[in-house]
PDB file of N, CA and C in Angstrom:
ATOM      1  N   MET A   1     108.486  71.341 230.645  1.00  0.00           N
ATOM      2  CA  MET A   1     107.896  70.444 229.550  1.00  0.00           C
ATOM      3  C   MET A   1     107.882  69.104 229.572  1.00  0.00           C
ATOM      4  N   ASN A   2     107.314  68.318 229.725  1.00  0.00           N
ATOM      5  CA  ASN A   2     107.518  66.981 229.504  1.00  0.00           C
ATOM      6  C   ASN A   2     106.826  65.970 228.513  1.00  0.00           C
ATOM      7  N   ILE A   3     107.645  65.759 227.346  1.00  0.00           N
ATOM      8  CA  ILE A   3     107.514  65.428 226.292  1.00  0.00           C
ATOM      9  C   ILE A   3     107.034  63.647 226.573  1.00  0.00           C
ATOM     10  N   SER A   4     106.133  63.343 225.833  1.00  0.00           N
ATOM     11  CA  SER A   4     106.041  61.670 225.542  1.00  0.00           C
ATOM     12  C   SER A   4     105.267  61.465 224.417  1.00  0.00           C
ATOM     13  N   ASP A   5     105.118  60.410 223.877  1.00  0.00           N
ATOM     14  CA  ASP A   5     104.256  59.742 222.906  1.00  0.00           C
ATOM     15  C   ASP A   5     103.134  59.107 222.856  1.00  0.00           C
ATOM     16  N   VAL A   6     102.373  58.700 222.044  1.00  0.00           N
ATOM     17  CA  VAL A   6     101.224  57.840 222.028  1.00  0.00           C
ATOM     18  C   VAL A   6     101.158  57.127 220.386  1.00  0.00           C
ATOM     19  N   MET A   7     100.709  56.123 220.306  1.00  0.00           N
ATOM     20  CA  MET A   7     100.260  55.384 219.040  1.00  0.00           C
ATOM     21  C   MET A   7      98.743  55.313 219.332  1.00  0.00           C
ATOM     22  N   ILE A   8      98.154  55.601 218.244  1.00  0.00           N
ATOM     23  CA  ILE A   8      96.437  55.347 218.090  1.00  0.00           C
ATOM     24  C   ILE A   8      96.537  54.832 217.289  1.00  0.00           C
ATOM     25  N   HIS A   9      95.773  53.532 217.093  1.00  0.00           N
ATOM     26  CA  HIS A   9      95.551  52.657 215.735  1.00  0.00           C
ATOM     27  C   HIS A   9      93.967  53.163 215.741  1.00  0.00           C
ATOM     28  N   ILE A  10      93.853  53.578 214.201  1.00  0.00           N
ATOM     29  CA  ILE A  10      92.687  53.782 213.284  1.00  0.00           C
ATOM     30  C   ILE A  10      92.314  52.885 213.084  1.00  0.00           C
ATOM     31  N   ASN A  11      90.905  52.158 212.881  1.00  0.00           N
ATOM     32  CA  ASN A  11      90.663  51.016 212.321  1.00  0.00           C
ATOM     33  C   ASN A  11      90.468  51.596 210.522  1.00  0.00           C
ATOM     34  N   GLU A  12      89.809  52.425 210.298  1.00  0.00           N
ATOM     35  CA  GLU A  12      89.645  52.762 208.919  1.00  0.00           C
ATOM     36  C   GLU A  12      91.072  53.349 208.189  1.00  0.00           C
ATOM     37  N   SER A  13      91.330  53.074 206.962  1.00  0.00           N
ATOM     38  CA  SER A  13      92.328  53.580 206.303  1.00  0.00           C
ATOM     39  C   SER A  13      92.354  54.887 205.920  1.00  0.00           C
ATOM     40  N   LEU A  14      93.173  55.731 206.146  1.00  0.00           N
ATOM     41  CA  LEU A  14      92.649  57.252 205.370  1.00  0.00           C
ATOM     42  C   LEU A  14      93.669  57.541 204.415  1.00  0.00           C
ATOM     43  N   SER A  15      93.001  58.454 203.796  1.00  0.00           N
ATOM     44  CA  SER A  15      93.614  58.907 202.453  1.00  0.00           C
ATOM     45  C   SER A  15      94.713  59.894 203.187  1.00  0.00           C
ATOM     46  N   GLU A  16      95.662  60.325 202.221  1.00  0.00           N
ATOM     47  CA  GLU A  16      96.464  61.474 202.603  1.00  0.00           C
ATOM     48  C   GLU A  16      96.088  62.410 202.998  1.00  0.00           C
ATOM     49  N   GLU A  17      94.782  62.938 202.222  1.00  0.00           N
ATOM     50  CA  GLU A  17      93.934  64.118 202.823  1.00  0.00           C
ATOM     51  C   GLU A  17      93.435  63.968 203.929  1.00  0.00           C
ATOM     52  N   ALA A  18      92.749  62.787 204.574  1.00  0.00           N
ATOM     53  CA  ALA A  18      92.123  62.953 205.672  1.00  0.00           C
ATOM     54  C   ALA A  18      93.292  62.650 206.753  1.00  0.00           C
ATOM     55  N   GLN A  19      94.423  62.271 206.371  1.00  0.00           N
ATOM     56  CA  GLN A  19      95.642  62.145 207.261  1.00  0.00           C
ATOM     57  C   GLN A  19      95.688  63.441 207.584  1.00  0.00           C
ATOM     58  N   SER A  20      96.152  64.433 206.979  1.00  0.00           N
ATOM     59  CA  SER A  20      96.748  65.654 206.928  1.00  0.00           C
ATOM     60  C   SER A  20      95.561  66.428 207.875  1.00  0.00           C
ATOM     61  N   THR A  21      94.421  66.302 207.195  1.00  0.00           N
ATOM     62  CA  THR A  21      93.150  67.053 208.152  1.00  0.00           C
ATOM     63  C   THR A  21      93.167  66.640 209.810  1.00  0.00           C
ATOM     64  N   LEU A  22      93.163  65.207 209.906  1.00  0.00           N
ATOM     65  CA  LEU A  22      93.350  64.872 211.338  1.00  0.00           C
ATOM     66  C   LEU A  22      94.735  65.274 212.124  1.00  0.00           C
ATOM     67  N   GLU A  23      95.651  65.155 211.360  1.00  0.00           N
ATOM     68  CA  GLU A  23      96.648  65.800 211.928  1.00  0.00           C
ATOM     69  C   GLU A  23      96.702  67.530 212.485  1.00  0.00           C
ATOM     70  N   ASN A  24      96.132  68.299 211.084  1.00  0.00           N
ATOM     71  CA  ASN A  24      95.610  69.351 211.782  1.00  0.00           C
ATOM     72  C   ASN A  24      94.924  69.816 212.842  1.00  0.00           C
ATOM     73  N   VAL A  25      93.793  69.081 213.018  1.00  0.00           N
ATOM     74  CA  VAL A  25      92.703  69.055 214.100  1.00  0.00           C
ATOM     75  C   VAL A  25      93.580  68.834 215.168  1.00  0.00           C
ATOM     76  N   LEU A  26      94.159  67.836 215.389  1.00  0.00           N
ATOM     77  CA  LEU A  26      94.976  67.383 216.645  1.00  0.00           C
ATOM     78  C   LEU A  26      96.268  68.599 217.049  1.00  0.00           C
ATOM     79  N   ARG A  27      96.990  69.141 215.844  1.00  0.00           N
ATOM     80  CA  ARG A  27      97.835  70.258 216.312  1.00  0.00           C
ATOM     81  C   ARG A  27      97.409  71.217 217.339  1.00  0.00           C
ATOM     82  N   LYS A  28      95.939  71.448 217.122  1.00  0.00           N
ATOM     83  CA  LYS A  28      95.299  72.662 217.576  1.00  0.00           C
ATOM     84  C   LYS A  28      94.929  72.303 218.975  1.00  0.00           C
ATOM     85  N   ILE A  29      95.241  71.024 219.664  1.00  0.00           N
ATOM     86  CA  ILE A  29      95.081  70.855 221.176  1.00  0.00           C
ATOM     87  C   ILE A  29      96.447  71.498 222.038  1.00  0.00           C
ATOM     88  N   ASP A  30      96.061  72.019 222.833  1.00  0.00           N
ATOM     89  CA  ASP A  30      97.283  72.551 223.794  1.00  0.00           C
ATOM     90  C   ASP A  30      98.063  71.734 224.461  1.00  0.00           C
ATOM     91  N   GLY A  31      99.308  71.500 224.150  1.00  0.00           N
ATOM     92  CA  GLY A  31     100.304  70.704 224.381  1.00  0.00           C
ATOM     93  C   GLY A  31     101.006  69.552 223.246  1.00  0.00           C
ATOM     94  N   VAL A  32     100.104  69.567 222.064  1.00  0.00           N
ATOM     95  CA  VAL A  32     100.264  68.452 220.979  1.00  0.00           C
ATOM     96  C   VAL A  32     101.662  69.121 220.193  1.00  0.00           C
ATOM     97  N   VAL A  33     102.599  68.474 220.156  1.00  0.00           N
ATOM     98  CA  VAL A  33     103.829  68.858 219.581  1.00  0.00           C
ATOM     99  C   VAL A  33     104.050  68.507 217.903  1.00  0.00           C
ATOM    100  N   SER A  34     103.633  67.225 218.089  1.00  0.00           N
ATOM    101  CA  SER A  34     103.767  66.581 216.227  1.00  0.00           C
ATOM    102  C   SER A  34     102.968  65.542 216.230  1.00  0.00           C
ATOM    103  N   PRO A  35     101.952  65.735 215.733  1.00  0.00           N
ATOM    104  CA  PRO A  35     101.293  64.131 215.262  1.00  0.00           C
ATOM    105  C   PRO A  35     101.670  63.780 213.924  1.00  0.00           C
ATOM    106  N   GLY A  36     101.848  62.689 213.573  1.00  0.00           N
ATOM    107  CA  GLY A  36     101.867  62.089 212.265  1.00  0.00           C
ATOM    108  C   GLY A  36     101.658  60.608 212.337  1.00  0.00           C
ATOM    109  N   PHE A  37     101.532  60.501 210.915  1.00  0.00           N
ATOM    110  CA  PHE A  37     101.173  59.016 210.323  1.00  0.00           C
ATOM    111  C   PHE A  37     102.230  58.168 210.085  1.00  0.00           C
ATOM    112  N   ASN A  38     102.536  57.001 210.389  1.00  0.00           N
ATOM    113  CA  ASN A  38     103.655  56.189 210.176  1.00  0.00           C
ATOM    114  C   ASN A  38     103.357  56.347 208.469  1.00  0.00           C
ATOM    115  N   LYS A  39     104.599  56.116 207.810  1.00  0.00           N
ATOM    116  CA  LYS A  39     104.669  55.943 206.294  1.00  0.00           C
ATOM    117  C   LYS A  39     104.110  54.719 205.858  1.00  0.00           C
ATOM    118  N   GLY A  40     103.388  54.720 204.962  1.00  0.00           N
ATOM    119  CA  GLY A  40     102.745  53.151 204.281  1.00  0.00           C
ATOM    120  C   GLY A  40     102.120  52.590 205.629  1.00  0.00           C
ATOM    121  N   LYS A  41     101.452  53.039 206.621  1.00  0.00           N
ATOM    122  CA  LYS A  41     100.576  52.270 207.398  1.00  0.00           C
ATOM    123  C   LYS A  41      99.775  53.952 207.794  1.00  0.00           C
ATOM    124  N   ALA A  42      98.701  53.782 207.218  1.00  0.00           N
ATOM    125  CA  ALA A  42      97.684  54.980 207.132  1.00  0.00           C
ATOM    126  C   ALA A  42      96.699  54.837 208.299  1.00  0.00           C
ATOM    127  N   HIS A  43      96.962  53.953 209.268  1.00  0.00           N
ATOM    128  CA  HIS A  43      95.960  53.521 209.854  1.00  0.00           C
ATOM    129  C   HIS A  43      96.957  53.431 211.508  1.00  0.00           C
ATOM    130  N   LEU A  44      97.932  54.143 211.487  1.00  0.00           N
ATOM    131  CA  LEU A  44      98.723  54.157 212.937  1.00  0.00           C
ATOM    132  C   LEU A  44      98.964  55.697 212.779  1.00  0.00           C
ATOM    133  N   LEU A  45      98.864  56.114 214.066  1.00  0.00           N
ATOM    134  CA  LEU A  45      99.104  57.683 214.245  1.00  0.00           C
ATOM    135  C   LEU A  45      99.834  57.686 215.559  1.00  0.00           C
ATOM    136  N   VAL A  46     101.078  58.565 215.331  1.00  0.00           N
ATOM    137  CA  VAL A  46     101.942  58.834 216.736  1.00  0.00           C
ATOM    138  C   VAL A  46     101.821  60.140 216.944  1.00  0.00           C
ATOM    139  N   ILE A  47     101.586  60.711 217.847  1.00  0.00           N
ATOM    140  CA  ILE A  47     101.382  61.763 218.644  1.00  0.00           C
ATOM    141  C   ILE A  47     102.380  62.080 219.830  1.00  0.00           C
ATOM    142  N   ALA A  48     103.411  63.183 219.565  1.00  0.00           N
ATOM    143  CA  ALA A  48     103.991  63.713 220.513  1.00  0.00           C
ATOM    144  C   ALA A  48     103.220  64.668 221.072  1.00  0.00           C
ATOM    145  N   TYR A  49     103.316  65.004 222.651  1.00  0.00           N
ATOM    146  CA  TYR A  49     102.693  65.726 223.274  1.00  0.00           C
ATOM    147  C   TYR A  49     103.433  65.799 224.880  1.00  0.00           C
ATOM    148  N   ASP A  50     102.892  66.986 224.945  1.00  0.00           N
ATOM    149  CA  ASP A  50     103.515  67.471 226.508  1.00  0.00           C
ATOM    150  C   ASP A  50     102.377  66.866 227.649  1.00  0.00           C
ATOM    151  N   THR A  51     102.907  66.299 228.196  1.00  0.00           N
ATOM    152  CA  THR A  51     101.978  65.389 229.383  1.00  0.00           C
ATOM    153  C   THR A  51     101.390  66.558 230.560  1.00  0.00           C
ATOM    154  N   GLU A  52     101.655  67.665 230.672  1.00  0.00           N
ATOM    155  CA  GLU A  52     101.765  68.326 231.640  1.00  0.00           C
ATOM    156  C   GLU A  52     100.495  69.448 231.018  1.00  0.00           C
ATOM    157  N   LYS A  53     100.043  69.205 229.712  1.00  0.00           N
ATOM    158  CA  LYS A  53      99.203  69.960 229.232  1.00  0.00           C
ATOM    159  C   LYS A  53      98.027  69.469 228.607  1.00  0.00           C
ATOM    160  N   THR A  54      98.169  68.117 228.329  1.00  0.00           N
ATOM    161  CA  THR A  54      97.237  67.141 227.651  1.00  0.00           C
ATOM    162  C   THR A  54      97.514  65.638 228.088  1.00  0.00           C
ATOM    163  N   ASN A  55      96.572  64.667 227.541  1.00  0.00           N
ATOM    164  CA  ASN A  55      96.729  63.447 228.197  1.00  0.00           C
ATOM    165  C   ASN A  55      96.412  62.633 227.024  1.00  0.00           C
ATOM    166  N   THR A  56      96.280  61.182 226.979  1.00  0.00           N
ATOM    167  CA  THR A  56      96.124  60.267 226.154  1.00  0.00           C
ATOM    168  C   THR A  56      94.448  60.161 225.774  1.00  0.00           C
ATOM    169  N   ALA A  57      93.703  60.160 226.907  1.00  0.00           N
ATOM    170  CA  ALA A  57      92.320  60.395 226.791  1.00  0.00           C
ATOM    171  C   ALA A  57      91.837  61.413 226.151  1.00  0.00           C
ATOM    172  N   ILE A  58      92.413  62.375 226.331  1.00  0.00           N
ATOM    173  CA  ILE A  58      92.018  63.644 225.322  1.00  0.00           C
ATOM    174  C   ILE A  58      92.316  63.303 223.764  1.00  0.00           C
ATOM    175  N   LEU A  59      93.541  62.955 223.738  1.00  0.00           N
ATOM    176  CA  LEU A  59      93.883  62.819 222.234  1.00  0.00           C
ATOM    177  C   LEU A  59      93.282  61.515 221.571  1.00  0.00           C
ATOM    178  N   LEU A  60      92.818  60.361 222.144  1.00  0.00           N
ATOM    179  CA  LEU A  60      91.932  59.737 221.911  1.00  0.00           C
ATOM    180  C   LEU A  60      90.626  60.013 221.493  1.00  0.00           C
ATOM    181  N   GLU A  61      89.930  60.811 222.629  1.00  0.00           N
ATOM    182  CA  GLU A  61      88.439  61.119 222.011  1.00  0.00           C
ATOM    183  C   GLU A  61      88.556  62.315 221.385  1.00  0.00           C
ATOM    184  N   LYS A  62      89.475  62.880 220.822  1.00  0.00           N
ATOM    185  CA  LYS A  62      89.434  64.168 219.737  1.00  0.00           C
ATOM    186  C   LYS A  62      89.565  63.248 218.739  1.00  0.00           C
ATOM    187  N   THR A  63      90.322  62.172 218.388  1.00  0.00           N
ATOM    188  CA  THR A  63      90.271  61.240 217.362  1.00  0.00           C
ATOM    189  C   THR A  63      89.031  60.815 216.751  1.00  0.00           C
ATOM    190  N   ARG A  64      88.588  60.005 218.014  1.00  0.00           N
ATOM    191  CA  ARG A  64      86.976  59.303 217.893  1.00  0.00           C
ATOM    192  C   ARG A  64      85.761  60.861 217.455  1.00  0.00           C
ATOM    193  N   ALA A  65      86.138  61.918 217.907  1.00  0.00           N
ATOM    194  CA  ALA A  65      85.327  62.840 217.416  1.00  0.00           C
ATOM    195  C   ALA A  65      85.290  63.169 216.097  1.00  0.00           C
ATOM    196  N   GLU A  66      86.362  63.066 215.702  1.00  0.00           N
ATOM    197  CA  GLU A  66      86.210  63.287 213.994  1.00  0.00           C
ATOM    198  C   GLU A  66      85.871  62.315 213.370  1.00  0.00           C
ATOM    199  N   GLY A  67      85.132  61.222 214.085  1.00  0.00           N
ATOM    200  CA  GLY A  67      84.378  60.054 213.273  1.00  0.00           C
ATOM    201  C   GLY A  67      85.176  58.777 212.424  1.00  0.00           C
ATOM    202  N   TYR A  68      86.511  58.690 213.644  1.00  0.00           N
ATOM    203  CA  TYR A  68      87.215  57.451 213.468  1.00  0.00           C
ATOM    204  C   TYR A  68      86.920  56.390 214.434  1.00  0.00           C
ATOM    205  N   THR A  69      86.789  55.311 214.444  1.00  0.00           N
ATOM    206  CA  THR A  69      87.031  54.197 215.119  1.00  0.00           C
ATOM    207  C   THR A  69      88.613  53.993 215.766  1.00  0.00           C
ATOM    208  N   ALA A  70      89.031  54.146 216.975  1.00  0.00           N
ATOM    209  CA  ALA A  70      90.228  54.379 217.068  1.00  0.00           C
ATOM    210  C   ALA A  70      90.567  53.665 218.647  1.00  0.00           C
ATOM    211  N   GLN A  71      91.752  53.144 218.953  1.00  0.00           N
ATOM    212  CA  GLN A  71      92.327  52.646 220.150  1.00  0.00           C
ATOM    213  C   GLN A  71      93.626  53.052 220.806  1.00  0.00           C
ATOM    214  N   LEU A  72      94.145  53.046 221.850  1.00  0.00           N
ATOM    215  CA  LEU A  72      95.250  53.281 221.906  1.00  0.00           C
ATOM    216  C   LEU A  72      96.097  52.213 221.952  1.00  0.00           C
ATOM    217  N   VAL A  73      97.235  52.212 221.113  1.00  0.00           N
ATOM    218  CA  VAL A  73      98.250  50.822 221.094  1.00  0.00           C
ATOM    219  C   VAL A  73      99.144  50.885 222.240  1.00  0.00           C
ATOM    220  N   GLY A  74      99.447  49.815 223.040  1.00  0.00           N
ATOM    221  CA  GLY A  74     100.458  49.294 223.782  1.00  0.00           C
ATOM    222  C   GLY A  74     100.192  50.020 225.487  1.00  0.00           C
ATOM    223  N   MET A  75      98.794  50.031 225.561  1.00  0.00           N
ATOM    224  CA  MET A  75      97.947  50.686 226.826  1.00  0.00           C
ATOM    225  C   MET A  75      97.600  49.355 227.484  1.00  0.00           C
TER     226      MET A  75
END
């Protein structure tokens, strides 16, 4: 297992309910360890994941598939 993390910037501001829903959707991806939003910054999502099972492109695409405009931060 090789754990890394990525930050995704979501243009829209998400309510706590929307944050929780997106976190739960991402948890279902094989290899995702821990998705979570930064406290007080409802547009920054950090995802810890196993690089042997998934990658940043999949994580970003799933976020966008949920209807959000999103970009990887620092890539």
